[in-house]
Amino acid sequence: MNEERFSYDGPPGLLPAIVRALERVVDPEVAMNILDVGLVYGVKVADGRLDLDLTMTSAACPVTDIILEDVEDALDQALPPELKIHVELVWEPPWTPQRMSAKARSFMGW
C-alpha cells in the first residue's frame, strides 16, 4: 500500500487509512497529491501519537501553511480521535524531483 513512498513505523492496520488521507491532500501549486510530489518523508505511530515529517519543494513555498493544515485535517478525519497528530516541517534531506512518483514526473514532463 505504501509502495515505499515514505518510511512508516507503526501498526500495519493504520497504514492504508494514512495513505488514503494523504492522497487527498493536494499541493495547489502543482495540482497533485503530496505523496506523488514526494513531500512526505516519514510517519511514525507510537504511544497514541502520530508523527509525520513533511517537506516542501522549496523554503519559499507560498502554500506551506495550507498544506500543513490540510494534512492535519485529513489525518484527523481518517484516524481514531484519540490519536494525537503532530506534523513536523523538515528541510533535511532537501526535496528533489527524484522523490516524485513516476506518475508525477510524467505529468510534469520529466
Protein backbone atom coordinates (compact mmCIF):
# COMPACT_ATOMS: atom_id res chain seq x y z
CA MET A 1 0.00 0.00 0.00
CA ASN A 2 2.79 2.44 0.91
CA GLU A 3 5.00 1.42 -2.05
CA GLU A 4 7.97 2.95 -0.20
CA ARG A 5 6.77 6.49 -0.84
CA PHE A 6 7.71 7.30 2.75
CA SER A 7 9.10 5.45 5.74
CA TYR A 8 6.49 4.01 8.09
CA ASP A 9 6.85 2.73 11.61
CA GLY A 10 3.57 1.80 13.23
CA PRO A 11 0.66 -0.62 13.27
CA PRO A 12 0.21 -2.11 9.78
CA GLY A 13 -3.57 -1.74 10.08
CA LEU A 14 -3.33 2.07 10.19
CA LEU A 15 -1.17 2.45 7.09
CA PRO A 16 -3.97 2.18 4.48
CA ALA A 17 -6.03 4.91 6.20
CA ILE A 18 -2.95 7.15 6.48
CA VAL A 19 -2.09 6.70 2.79
CA ARG A 20 -5.68 7.38 1.68
CA ALA A 21 -5.82 10.52 3.84
CA LEU A 22 -2.51 11.85 2.49
CA GLU A 23 -3.52 11.10 -1.10
CA ARG A 24 -6.43 13.52 -0.59
CA VAL A 25 -4.06 16.39 0.27
CA VAL A 26 -3.19 18.32 -2.88
CA ASP A 27 -0.25 20.66 -3.40
CA PRO A 28 -2.12 23.51 -5.07
CA GLU A 29 0.95 24.73 -6.94
CA VAL A 30 1.27 21.52 -8.95
CA ALA A 31 -2.27 20.11 -8.62
CA MET A 32 -1.02 16.71 -7.42
CA ASN A 33 -1.29 14.94 -4.10
CA ILE A 34 1.58 15.34 -1.66
CA LEU A 35 2.54 11.66 -1.83
CA ASP A 36 3.06 11.80 -5.60
CA VAL A 37 5.03 15.03 -5.20
CA GLY A 38 7.21 13.30 -2.58
CA LEU A 39 6.62 15.73 0.27
CA VAL A 40 6.05 13.10 2.99
CA TYR A 41 9.32 11.73 4.36
CA GLY A 42 8.11 9.55 7.19
CA VAL A 43 5.33 8.57 9.55
CA LYS A 44 5.72 7.04 13.00
CA VAL A 45 2.82 5.91 15.16
CA ALA A 46 3.52 5.02 18.79
CA ASP A 47 2.08 5.65 22.24
CA GLY A 48 -1.12 7.26 20.98
CA ARG A 49 0.70 9.72 18.74
CA LEU A 50 1.31 10.03 15.01
CA ASP A 51 4.41 11.96 13.98
CA LEU A 52 4.72 12.92 10.32
CA ASP A 53 7.78 14.52 8.72
CA LEU A 54 6.84 16.69 5.76
CA THR A 55 8.86 18.94 3.49
CA MET A 56 8.12 21.45 0.76
CA THR A 57 9.67 21.72 -2.68
CA SER A 58 11.27 24.99 -1.55
CA ALA A 59 11.59 27.08 1.60
CA ALA A 60 9.80 29.87 -0.25
CA CYS A 61 6.70 27.75 -0.92
CA PRO A 62 3.73 30.13 -0.60
CA VAL A 63 1.24 27.36 0.27
CA THR A 64 3.11 25.73 3.17
CA ASP A 65 0.51 26.71 5.79
CA ILE A 66 -2.34 25.45 3.61
CA ILE A 67 -0.68 22.08 3.06
CA LEU A 68 0.18 21.66 6.75
CA GLU A 69 -3.41 22.41 7.75
CA ASP A 70 -4.81 20.11 5.06
CA VAL A 71 -2.55 17.25 6.23
CA GLU A 72 -3.69 17.63 9.84
CA ASP A 73 -7.35 17.86 8.81
CA ALA A 74 -7.16 14.81 6.52
CA LEU A 75 -5.45 12.70 9.20
CA ASP A 76 -7.88 13.92 11.89
CA GLN A 77 -10.81 12.79 9.76
CA ALA A 78 -9.31 9.41 8.82
CA LEU A 79 -7.80 8.20 12.09
CA PRO A 80 -9.11 7.36 15.57
CA PRO A 81 -9.89 10.54 17.54
CA GLU A 82 -7.67 9.53 20.47
CA LEU A 83 -4.58 9.52 18.22
CA LYS A 84 -2.69 12.80 18.62
CA ILE A 85 -1.29 14.10 15.34
CA HIS A 86 1.94 16.04 15.06
CA VAL A 87 3.17 17.29 11.67
CA GLU A 88 6.77 18.48 11.55
CA LEU A 89 8.07 20.60 8.68
CA VAL A 90 11.61 19.45 7.87
CA TRP A 91 14.22 20.59 5.38
CA GLU A 92 16.74 17.74 5.62
CA PRO A 93 17.22 15.97 3.39
CA PRO A 94 16.27 18.62 0.83
CA TRP A 95 13.46 17.74 -1.54
CA THR A 96 14.49 16.77 -5.07
CA PRO A 97 12.42 15.85 -8.14
CA GLN A 98 13.64 12.25 -7.72
CA ARG A 99 11.21 11.99 -4.77
CA MET A 100 8.28 12.38 -7.15
CA SER A 101 6.34 9.32 -8.26
CA ALA A 102 6.70 8.16 -11.85
CA LYS A 103 3.16 9.43 -12.44
CA ALA A 104 4.10 12.90 -11.16
CA ARG A 105 7.33 13.06 -13.15
CA SER A 106 5.42 12.08 -16.29
CA PHE A 107 2.75 14.71 -15.57
CA MET A 108 5.47 17.36 -15.19
CA GLY A 109 7.21 16.20 -18.36
CA TRP A 110 10.34 14.98 -16.57
